[in-house]
Amino acid sequence: MPNGLEITKAAIDDFKKIQDYMLLAKEENAVKTYAKLKDEYLSLKALLTIAGVNLTDIDKMKE
């Protein structure tokens, strides 16, 4: 069973991936895809904030 640090690392990795996909969707003007990715982004951002992760340096979207 993963511990808290492993779960947090996985969430940070997912957060970074989602942001990369969001940037691509924005460039390609894929509005529906971007909106779906933003939902996932906001969920991960909330989870990481509750976990006490400082997102200042890793949050590319700033939304």
PDB file of N, CA and C in Angstrom:
ATOM      1  N   MET A   1       0.844  -1.183   0.000  1.00  0.00           N
ATOM      2  CA  MET A   1       0.000   0.000   0.000  1.00  0.00           C
ATOM      3  C   MET A   1       0.887   1.244   0.000  1.00  0.00           C
ATOM      4  N   PRO A   2       0.593   2.203  -0.895  1.00  0.00           N
ATOM      5  CA  PRO A   2       1.441   3.397  -0.970  1.00  0.00           C
ATOM      6  C   PRO A   2       1.271   4.294   0.257  1.00  0.00           C
ATOM      7  N   ASN A   3       2.359   4.954   0.617  1.00  0.00           N
ATOM      8  CA  ASN A   3       2.284   5.887   1.744  1.00  0.00           C
ATOM      9  C   ASN A   3       1.928   7.287   1.235  1.00  0.00           C
ATOM     10  N   GLY A   4       1.786   8.231   2.135  1.00  0.00           N
ATOM     11  CA  GLY A   4       1.375   9.584   1.776  1.00  0.00           C
ATOM     12  C   GLY A   4       2.314  10.270   0.803  1.00  0.00           C
ATOM     13  N   LEU A   5       3.620  10.049   0.982  1.00  0.00           N
ATOM     14  CA  LEU A   5       4.602  10.672   0.103  1.00  0.00           C
ATOM     15  C   LEU A   5       4.485  10.125  -1.317  1.00  0.00           C
ATOM     16  N   GLU A   6       4.273   8.825  -1.453  1.00  0.00           N
ATOM     17  CA  GLU A   6       4.121   8.212  -2.781  1.00  0.00           C
ATOM     18  C   GLU A   6       2.853   8.709  -3.473  1.00  0.00           C
ATOM     19  N   ILE A   7       1.790   8.854  -2.716  1.00  0.00           N
ATOM     20  CA  ILE A   7       0.535   9.357  -3.269  1.00  0.00           C
ATOM     21  C   ILE A   7       0.709  10.808  -3.729  1.00  0.00           C
ATOM     22  N   THR A   8       1.382  11.613  -2.917  1.00  0.00           N
ATOM     23  CA  THR A   8       1.618  13.015  -3.264  1.00  0.00           C
ATOM     24  C   THR A   8       2.486  13.126  -4.507  1.00  0.00           C
ATOM     25  N   LYS A   9       3.528  12.303  -4.598  1.00  0.00           N
ATOM     26  CA  LYS A   9       4.390  12.331  -5.781  1.00  0.00           C
ATOM     27  C   LYS A   9       3.605  11.969  -7.034  1.00  0.00           C
ATOM     28  N   ALA A  10       2.766  10.962  -6.948  1.00  0.00           N
ATOM     29  CA  ALA A  10       1.947  10.556  -8.096  1.00  0.00           C
ATOM     30  C   ALA A  10       1.006  11.695  -8.503  1.00  0.00           C
ATOM     31  N   ALA A  11       0.422  12.372  -7.530  1.00  0.00           N
ATOM     32  CA  ALA A  11      -0.479  13.489  -7.830  1.00  0.00           C
ATOM     33  C   ALA A  11       0.278  14.644  -8.479  1.00  0.00           C
ATOM     34  N   ILE A  12       1.484  14.926  -8.012  1.00  0.00           N
ATOM     35  CA  ILE A  12       2.306  15.982  -8.614  1.00  0.00           C
ATOM     36  C   ILE A  12       2.647  15.614 -10.049  1.00  0.00           C
ATOM     37  N   ASP A  13       3.024  14.375 -10.290  1.00  0.00           N
ATOM     38  CA  ASP A  13       3.328  13.924 -11.653  1.00  0.00           C
ATOM     39  C   ASP A  13       2.108  14.072 -12.553  1.00  0.00           C
ATOM     40  N   ASP A  14       0.950  13.687 -12.061  1.00  0.00           N
ATOM     41  CA  ASP A  14      -0.295  13.825 -12.830  1.00  0.00           C
ATOM     42  C   ASP A  14      -0.609  15.301 -13.092  1.00  0.00           C
ATOM     43  N   PHE A  15      -0.383  16.138 -12.103  1.00  0.00           N
ATOM     44  CA  PHE A  15      -0.624  17.575 -12.221  1.00  0.00           C
ATOM     45  C   PHE A  15       0.226  18.161 -13.342  1.00  0.00           C
ATOM     46  N   LYS A  16       1.492  17.783 -13.387  1.00  0.00           N
ATOM     47  CA  LYS A  16       2.388  18.266 -14.435  1.00  0.00           C
ATOM     48  C   LYS A  16       1.935  17.788 -15.814  1.00  0.00           C
ATOM     49  N   LYS A  17       1.535  16.525 -15.927  1.00  0.00           N
ATOM     50  CA  LYS A  17       1.073  15.981 -17.209  1.00  0.00           C
ATOM     51  C   LYS A  17      -0.181  16.701 -17.695  1.00  0.00           C
ATOM     52  N   ILE A  18      -1.137  16.892 -16.791  1.00  0.00           N
ATOM     53  CA  ILE A  18      -2.382  17.562 -17.157  1.00  0.00           C
ATOM     54  C   ILE A  18      -2.099  18.962 -17.683  1.00  0.00           C
ATOM     55  N   GLN A  19      -1.183  19.669 -17.045  1.00  0.00           N
ATOM     56  CA  GLN A  19      -0.845  21.017 -17.501  1.00  0.00           C
ATOM     57  C   GLN A  19      -0.248  20.992 -18.904  1.00  0.00           C
ATOM     58  N   ASP A  20       0.613  20.025 -19.173  1.00  0.00           N
ATOM     59  CA  ASP A  20       1.197  19.903 -20.515  1.00  0.00           C
ATOM     60  C   ASP A  20       0.109  19.656 -21.554  1.00  0.00           C
ATOM     61  N   TYR A  21      -0.832  18.766 -21.225  1.00  0.00           N
ATOM     62  CA  TYR A  21      -1.940  18.487 -22.145  1.00  0.00           C
ATOM     63  C   TYR A  21      -2.831  19.714 -22.319  1.00  0.00           C
ATOM     64  N   MET A  22      -3.029  20.478 -21.250  1.00  0.00           N
ATOM     65  CA  MET A  22      -3.840  21.684 -21.343  1.00  0.00           C
ATOM     66  C   MET A  22      -3.195  22.708 -22.285  1.00  0.00           C
ATOM     67  N   LEU A  23      -1.892  22.851 -22.174  1.00  0.00           N
ATOM     68  CA  LEU A  23      -1.183  23.791 -23.049  1.00  0.00           C
ATOM     69  C   LEU A  23      -1.307  23.370 -24.513  1.00  0.00           C
ATOM     70  N   LEU A  24      -1.197  22.070 -24.768  1.00  0.00           N
ATOM     71  CA  LEU A  24      -1.362  21.571 -26.138  1.00  0.00           C
ATOM     72  C   LEU A  24      -2.780  21.805 -26.637  1.00  0.00           C
ATOM     73  N   ALA A  25      -3.763  21.515 -25.810  1.00  0.00           N
ATOM     74  CA  ALA A  25      -5.156  21.706 -26.199  1.00  0.00           C
ATOM     75  C   ALA A  25      -5.445  23.182 -26.475  1.00  0.00           C
ATOM     76  N   LYS A  26      -4.835  24.055 -25.686  1.00  0.00           N
ATOM     77  CA  LYS A  26      -5.021  25.495 -25.886  1.00  0.00           C
ATOM     78  C   LYS A  26      -4.424  25.929 -27.219  1.00  0.00           C
ATOM     79  N   GLU A  27      -3.225  25.424 -27.538  1.00  0.00           N
ATOM     80  CA  GLU A  27      -2.569  25.745 -28.811  1.00  0.00           C
ATOM     81  C   GLU A  27      -3.393  25.261 -30.003  1.00  0.00           C
ATOM     82  N   GLU A  28      -4.003  24.095 -29.852  1.00  0.00           N
ATOM     83  CA  GLU A  28      -4.775  23.498 -30.941  1.00  0.00           C
ATOM     84  C   GLU A  28      -6.220  23.986 -30.959  1.00  0.00           C
ATOM     85  N   ASN A  29      -6.560  24.887 -30.035  1.00  0.00           N
ATOM     86  CA  ASN A  29      -7.910  25.430 -29.913  1.00  0.00           C
ATOM     87  C   ASN A  29      -8.949  24.318 -29.730  1.00  0.00           C
ATOM     88  N   ALA A  30      -8.592  23.315 -28.957  1.00  0.00           N
ATOM     89  CA  ALA A  30      -9.486  22.190 -28.647  1.00  0.00           C
ATOM     90  C   ALA A  30     -10.266  22.538 -27.380  1.00  0.00           C
ATOM     91  N   VAL A  31     -11.316  23.291 -27.542  1.00  0.00           N
ATOM     92  CA  VAL A  31     -12.055  23.863 -26.424  1.00  0.00           C
ATOM     93  C   VAL A  31     -12.640  22.794 -25.504  1.00  0.00           C
ATOM     94  N   LYS A  32     -13.275  21.782 -26.055  1.00  0.00           N
ATOM     95  CA  LYS A  32     -13.888  20.736 -25.231  1.00  0.00           C
ATOM     96  C   LYS A  32     -12.827  19.941 -24.480  1.00  0.00           C
ATOM     97  N   THR A  33     -11.733  19.634 -25.162  1.00  0.00           N
ATOM     98  CA  THR A  33     -10.642  18.892 -24.528  1.00  0.00           C
ATOM     99  C   THR A  33     -10.035  19.718 -23.405  1.00  0.00           C
ATOM    100  N   TYR A  34      -9.813  20.992 -23.664  1.00  0.00           N
ATOM    101  CA  TYR A  34      -9.254  21.878 -22.650  1.00  0.00           C
ATOM    102  C   TYR A  34     -10.156  21.944 -21.425  1.00  0.00           C
ATOM    103  N   ALA A  35     -11.452  22.056 -21.645  1.00  0.00           N
ATOM    104  CA  ALA A  35     -12.404  22.141 -20.529  1.00  0.00           C
ATOM    105  C   ALA A  35     -12.361  20.880 -19.668  1.00  0.00           C
ATOM    106  N   LYS A  36     -12.294  19.728 -20.304  1.00  0.00           N
ATOM    107  CA  LYS A  36     -12.228  18.457 -19.559  1.00  0.00           C
ATOM    108  C   LYS A  36     -10.920  18.368 -18.771  1.00  0.00           C
ATOM    109  N   LEU A  37      -9.821  18.753 -19.403  1.00  0.00           N
ATOM    110  CA  LEU A  37      -8.525  18.736 -18.723  1.00  0.00           C
ATOM    111  C   LEU A  37      -8.520  19.721 -17.554  1.00  0.00           C
ATOM    112  N   LYS A  38      -9.198  20.860 -17.731  1.00  0.00           N
ATOM    113  CA  LYS A  38      -9.237  21.853 -16.653  1.00  0.00           C
ATOM    114  C   LYS A  38      -9.948  21.297 -15.428  1.00  0.00           C
ATOM    115  N   ASP A  39     -11.007  20.512 -15.642  1.00  0.00           N
ATOM    116  CA  ASP A  39     -11.684  19.872 -14.511  1.00  0.00           C
ATOM    117  C   ASP A  39     -10.715  18.992 -13.730  1.00  0.00           C
ATOM    118  N   GLU A  40      -9.940  18.193 -14.442  1.00  0.00           N
ATOM    119  CA  GLU A  40      -8.958  17.309 -13.796  1.00  0.00           C
ATOM    120  C   GLU A  40      -7.873  18.133 -13.104  1.00  0.00           C
ATOM    121  N   TYR A  41      -7.418  19.180 -13.772  1.00  0.00           N
ATOM    122  CA  TYR A  41      -6.413  20.084 -13.217  1.00  0.00           C
ATOM    123  C   TYR A  41      -6.879  20.676 -11.889  1.00  0.00           C
ATOM    124  N   LEU A  42      -8.122  21.172 -11.864  1.00  0.00           N
ATOM    125  CA  LEU A  42      -8.640  21.793 -10.638  1.00  0.00           C
ATOM    126  C   LEU A  42      -8.772  20.783  -9.502  1.00  0.00           C
ATOM    127  N   SER A  43      -9.156  19.560  -9.832  1.00  0.00           N
ATOM    128  CA  SER A  43      -9.256  18.511  -8.809  1.00  0.00           C
ATOM    129  C   SER A  43      -7.883  18.194  -8.230  1.00  0.00           C
ATOM    130  N   LEU A  44      -6.908  18.029  -9.105  1.00  0.00           N
ATOM    131  CA  LEU A  44      -5.547  17.738  -8.630  1.00  0.00           C
ATOM    132  C   LEU A  44      -4.979  18.913  -7.845  1.00  0.00           C
ATOM    133  N   LYS A  45      -5.254  20.122  -8.302  1.00  0.00           N
ATOM    134  CA  LYS A  45      -4.761  21.312  -7.602  1.00  0.00           C
ATOM    135  C   LYS A  45      -5.348  21.378  -6.193  1.00  0.00           C
ATOM    136  N   ALA A  46      -6.635  21.083  -6.068  1.00  0.00           N
ATOM    137  CA  ALA A  46      -7.274  21.085  -4.752  1.00  0.00           C
ATOM    138  C   ALA A  46      -6.650  20.025  -3.845  1.00  0.00           C
ATOM    139  N   LEU A  47      -6.466  18.835  -4.378  1.00  0.00           N
ATOM    140  CA  LEU A  47      -5.867  17.739  -3.606  1.00  0.00           C
ATOM    141  C   LEU A  47      -4.468  18.107  -3.125  1.00  0.00           C
ATOM    142  N   LEU A  48      -3.652  18.643  -4.027  1.00  0.00           N
ATOM    143  CA  LEU A  48      -2.283  19.003  -3.663  1.00  0.00           C
ATOM    144  C   LEU A  48      -2.250  20.160  -2.662  1.00  0.00           C
ATOM    145  N   THR A  49      -3.165  21.100  -2.793  1.00  0.00           N
ATOM    146  CA  THR A  49      -3.239  22.212  -1.844  1.00  0.00           C
ATOM    147  C   THR A  49      -3.587  21.698  -0.454  1.00  0.00           C
ATOM    148  N   ILE A  50      -4.562  20.793  -0.386  1.00  0.00           N
ATOM    149  CA  ILE A  50      -4.941  20.200   0.905  1.00  0.00           C
ATOM    150  C   ILE A  50      -3.765  19.420   1.504  1.00  0.00           C
ATOM    151  N   ALA A  51      -2.968  18.789   0.632  1.00  0.00           N
ATOM    152  CA  ALA A  51      -1.812  18.017   1.097  1.00  0.00           C
ATOM    153  C   ALA A  51      -0.651  18.912   1.516  1.00  0.00           C
ATOM    154  N   GLY A  52      -0.796  20.225   1.295  1.00  0.00           N
ATOM    155  CA  GLY A  52       0.245  21.158   1.722  1.00  0.00           C
ATOM    156  C   GLY A  52       1.358  21.363   0.722  1.00  0.00           C
ATOM    157  N   VAL A  53       1.133  20.964  -0.532  1.00  0.00           N
ATOM    158  CA  VAL A  53       2.157  21.127  -1.565  1.00  0.00           C
ATOM    159  C   VAL A  53       2.142  22.579  -2.042  1.00  0.00           C
ATOM    160  N   ASN A  54       3.324  23.205  -2.092  1.00  0.00           N
ATOM    161  CA  ASN A  54       3.459  24.557  -2.605  1.00  0.00           C
ATOM    162  C   ASN A  54       3.483  24.479  -4.138  1.00  0.00           C
ATOM    163  N   LEU A  55       2.453  24.996  -4.773  1.00  0.00           N
ATOM    164  CA  LEU A  55       2.306  24.889  -6.225  1.00  0.00           C
ATOM    165  C   LEU A  55       2.920  26.065  -6.984  1.00  0.00           C
ATOM    166  N   THR A  56       3.486  27.014  -6.284  1.00  0.00           N
ATOM    167  CA  THR A  56       3.991  28.236  -6.893  1.00  0.00           C
ATOM    168  C   THR A  56       4.905  27.956  -8.082  1.00  0.00           C
ATOM    169  N   ASP A  57       5.844  27.057  -7.940  1.00  0.00           N
ATOM    170  CA  ASP A  57       6.821  26.807  -8.996  1.00  0.00           C
ATOM    171  C   ASP A  57       6.352  25.818 -10.059  1.00  0.00           C
ATOM    172  N   ILE A  58       5.385  24.972  -9.737  1.00  0.00           N
ATOM    173  CA  ILE A  58       4.991  23.944 -10.703  1.00  0.00           C
ATOM    174  C   ILE A  58       3.668  24.223 -11.408  1.00  0.00           C
ATOM    175  N   ASP A  59       2.960  25.259 -10.997  1.00  0.00           N
ATOM    176  CA  ASP A  59       1.671  25.575 -11.615  1.00  0.00           C
ATOM    177  C   ASP A  59       1.889  26.500 -12.810  1.00  0.00           C
ATOM    178  N   LYS A  60       1.902  25.907 -14.002  1.00  0.00           N
ATOM    179  CA  LYS A  60       2.108  26.673 -15.239  1.00  0.00           C
ATOM    180  C   LYS A  60       0.858  27.435 -15.651  1.00  0.00           C
ATOM    181  N   MET A  61      -0.306  26.938 -15.282  1.00  0.00           N
ATOM    182  CA  MET A  61      -1.566  27.496 -15.759  1.00  0.00           C
ATOM    183  C   MET A  61      -1.997  28.720 -14.932  1.00  0.00           C
ATOM    184  N   LYS A  62      -1.698  28.726 -13.661  1.00  0.00           N
ATOM    185  CA  LYS A  62      -2.057  29.810 -12.743  1.00  0.00           C
ATOM    186  C   LYS A  62      -3.558  30.097 -12.761  1.00  0.00           C
ATOM    187  N   GLU A  63      -4.380  29.052 -12.862  1.00  0.00           N
ATOM    188  CA  GLU A  63      -5.848  29.224 -12.874  1.00  0.00           C
ATOM    189  C   GLU A  63      -6.428  28.821 -11.542  1.00  0.00           C
TER     190      GLU A  63
END
